[in-house]
Amino acid sequence: MGAFYRRLAARIVKAKAVTATARKVVVLFYNALRHGMTYEDPGASYYEERHRRRVLANLRRRAKSLGYTLTEAAPPQGMDVS
């Protein structure tokens, strides 16, 4: 939930991010009660990887619209990719 809030707060007004996060919690709670579902947090790394893939896709699309082609380069040795 924290990662969700931080991503939204970076893009929109913080008050709206709080409201959106609260709604997400309420919907999860409602589904758990109504349908007997359990909430399994996929973890922050899942959301970070998803965000990274989305950013890369947006960059590729933007480069293509400008007439460029992006290719991935291997990271320099000794650097962790996160």
C-alpha atoms as a PDB file:
ATOM      1  CA  MET A   1       0.000   0.000   0.000  1.00  0.00           C
ATOM      2  CA  GLY A   2       2.843   2.357   0.794  1.00  0.00           C
ATOM      3  CA  ALA A   3       4.359   1.995  -2.663  1.00  0.00           C
ATOM      4  CA  PHE A   4       0.948   2.586  -4.237  1.00  0.00           C
ATOM      5  CA  TYR A   5       0.489   5.771  -2.206  1.00  0.00           C
ATOM      6  CA  ARG A   6       3.982   7.082  -2.971  1.00  0.00           C
ATOM      7  CA  ARG A   7       3.547   6.538  -6.715  1.00  0.00           C
ATOM      8  CA  LEU A   8       0.240   8.380  -6.701  1.00  0.00           C
ATOM      9  CA  ALA A   9       1.470  11.181  -4.446  1.00  0.00           C
ATOM     10  CA  ALA A  10       4.301  11.834  -6.885  1.00  0.00           C
ATOM     11  CA  ARG A  11       1.807  12.378  -9.716  1.00  0.00           C
ATOM     12  CA  ILE A  12      -1.271  13.933  -8.102  1.00  0.00           C
ATOM     13  CA  VAL A  13      -2.235  16.044  -5.103  1.00  0.00           C
ATOM     14  CA  LYS A  14      -1.429  14.217  -1.861  1.00  0.00           C
ATOM     15  CA  ALA A  15      -4.996  14.512  -0.553  1.00  0.00           C
ATOM     16  CA  LYS A  16      -6.286  12.650  -3.615  1.00  0.00           C
ATOM     17  CA  ALA A  17      -3.571  10.024  -3.183  1.00  0.00           C
ATOM     18  CA  VAL A  18      -4.714   9.463   0.411  1.00  0.00           C
ATOM     19  CA  THR A  19      -8.324   9.108  -0.754  1.00  0.00           C
ATOM     20  CA  ALA A  20      -7.364   6.665  -3.522  1.00  0.00           C
ATOM     21  CA  THR A  21      -5.288   4.576  -1.116  1.00  0.00           C
ATOM     22  CA  ALA A  22      -8.105   4.527   1.434  1.00  0.00           C
ATOM     23  CA  ARG A  23     -10.536   3.412  -1.265  1.00  0.00           C
ATOM     24  CA  LYS A  24      -8.169   0.615  -2.267  1.00  0.00           C
ATOM     25  CA  VAL A  25      -8.016  -0.595   1.348  1.00  0.00           C
ATOM     26  CA  VAL A  26     -11.821  -0.471   1.682  1.00  0.00           C
ATOM     27  CA  VAL A  27     -12.348  -2.407  -1.570  1.00  0.00           C
ATOM     28  CA  LEU A  28      -9.867  -5.079  -0.449  1.00  0.00           C
ATOM     29  CA  PHE A  29     -11.609  -5.327   2.922  1.00  0.00           C
ATOM     30  CA  TYR A  30     -15.057  -5.519   1.294  1.00  0.00           C
ATOM     31  CA  ASN A  31     -13.957  -8.278  -1.086  1.00  0.00           C
ATOM     32  CA  ALA A  32     -12.425 -10.194   1.802  1.00  0.00           C
ATOM     33  CA  LEU A  33     -15.697 -10.055   3.737  1.00  0.00           C
ATOM     34  CA  ARG A  34     -18.082 -10.620   0.873  1.00  0.00           C
ATOM     35  CA  HIS A  35     -16.254 -13.294  -1.090  1.00  0.00           C
ATOM     36  CA  GLY A  36     -14.060 -14.793   1.600  1.00  0.00           C
ATOM     37  CA  MET A  37     -10.943 -13.692  -0.256  1.00  0.00           C
ATOM     38  CA  THR A  38      -7.621 -13.247   1.461  1.00  0.00           C
ATOM     39  CA  TYR A  39      -5.221 -10.430   0.704  1.00  0.00           C
ATOM     40  CA  GLU A  40      -1.714 -11.478  -0.181  1.00  0.00           C
ATOM     41  CA  ASP A  41       0.687  -8.581  -0.469  1.00  0.00           C
ATOM     42  CA  PRO A  42       2.939  -9.183  -3.475  1.00  0.00           C
ATOM     43  CA  GLY A  43       5.643  -7.073  -1.860  1.00  0.00           C
ATOM     44  CA  ALA A  44       7.365  -3.856  -2.799  1.00  0.00           C
ATOM     45  CA  SER A  45       9.717  -5.550  -5.264  1.00  0.00           C
ATOM     46  CA  TYR A  46       6.741  -6.630  -7.387  1.00  0.00           C
ATOM     47  CA  TYR A  47       5.481  -3.060  -7.664  1.00  0.00           C
ATOM     48  CA  GLU A  48       8.970  -1.673  -8.301  1.00  0.00           C
ATOM     49  CA  GLU A  49       9.554  -4.141 -11.136  1.00  0.00           C
ATOM     50  CA  ARG A  50       6.125  -3.395 -12.587  1.00  0.00           C
ATOM     51  CA  HIS A  51       6.861   0.328 -12.420  1.00  0.00           C
ATOM     52  CA  ARG A  52      10.246  -0.206 -14.105  1.00  0.00           C
ATOM     53  CA  ARG A  53       8.658  -2.150 -16.981  1.00  0.00           C
ATOM     54  CA  ARG A  54       5.998   0.538 -17.427  1.00  0.00           C
ATOM     55  CA  VAL A  55       8.617   3.314 -17.489  1.00  0.00           C
ATOM     56  CA  LEU A  56      10.663   1.395 -20.077  1.00  0.00           C
ATOM     57  CA  ALA A  57       7.593   0.825 -22.250  1.00  0.00           C
ATOM     58  CA  ASN A  58       6.728   4.523 -22.056  1.00  0.00           C
ATOM     59  CA  LEU A  59      10.300   5.484 -22.998  1.00  0.00           C
ATOM     60  CA  ARG A  60      10.281   3.101 -25.962  1.00  0.00           C
ATOM     61  CA  ARG A  61       6.937   4.437 -27.165  1.00  0.00           C
ATOM     62  CA  ARG A  62       8.103   8.042 -26.769  1.00  0.00           C
ATOM     63  CA  ALA A  63      11.393   7.348 -28.594  1.00  0.00           C
ATOM     64  CA  LYS A  64       9.532   5.603 -31.411  1.00  0.00           C
ATOM     65  CA  SER A  65       7.192   8.571 -31.831  1.00  0.00           C
ATOM     66  CA  LEU A  66      10.275  10.800 -32.149  1.00  0.00           C
ATOM     67  CA  GLY A  67      11.901   8.475 -34.690  1.00  0.00           C
ATOM     68  CA  TYR A  68      14.432   6.767 -32.419  1.00  0.00           C
ATOM     69  CA  THR A  69      14.961   3.145 -31.453  1.00  0.00           C
ATOM     70  CA  LEU A  70      16.052   2.208 -27.940  1.00  0.00           C
ATOM     71  CA  THR A  71      18.217  -0.793 -27.204  1.00  0.00           C
ATOM     72  CA  GLU A  72      19.115  -2.124 -23.785  1.00  0.00           C
ATOM     73  CA  ALA A  73      22.753  -1.949 -22.801  1.00  0.00           C
ATOM     74  CA  ALA A  74      24.337  -4.247 -20.261  1.00  0.00           C
ATOM     75  CA  PRO A  75      24.838  -2.472 -16.921  1.00  0.00           C
ATOM     76  CA  PRO A  76      28.448  -1.625 -16.028  1.00  0.00           C
ATOM     77  CA  GLN A  77      30.148  -4.339 -13.997  1.00  0.00           C
ATOM     78  CA  GLY A  78      29.847  -3.947 -10.264  1.00  0.00           C
ATOM     79  CA  MET A  79      26.498  -2.147 -10.422  1.00  0.00           C
ATOM     80  CA  ASP A  80      23.356  -3.728  -9.070  1.00  0.00           C
ATOM     81  CA  VAL A  81      20.210  -3.331 -11.129  1.00  0.00           C
ATOM     82  CA  SER A  82      17.202  -2.715  -8.935  1.00  0.00           C
END
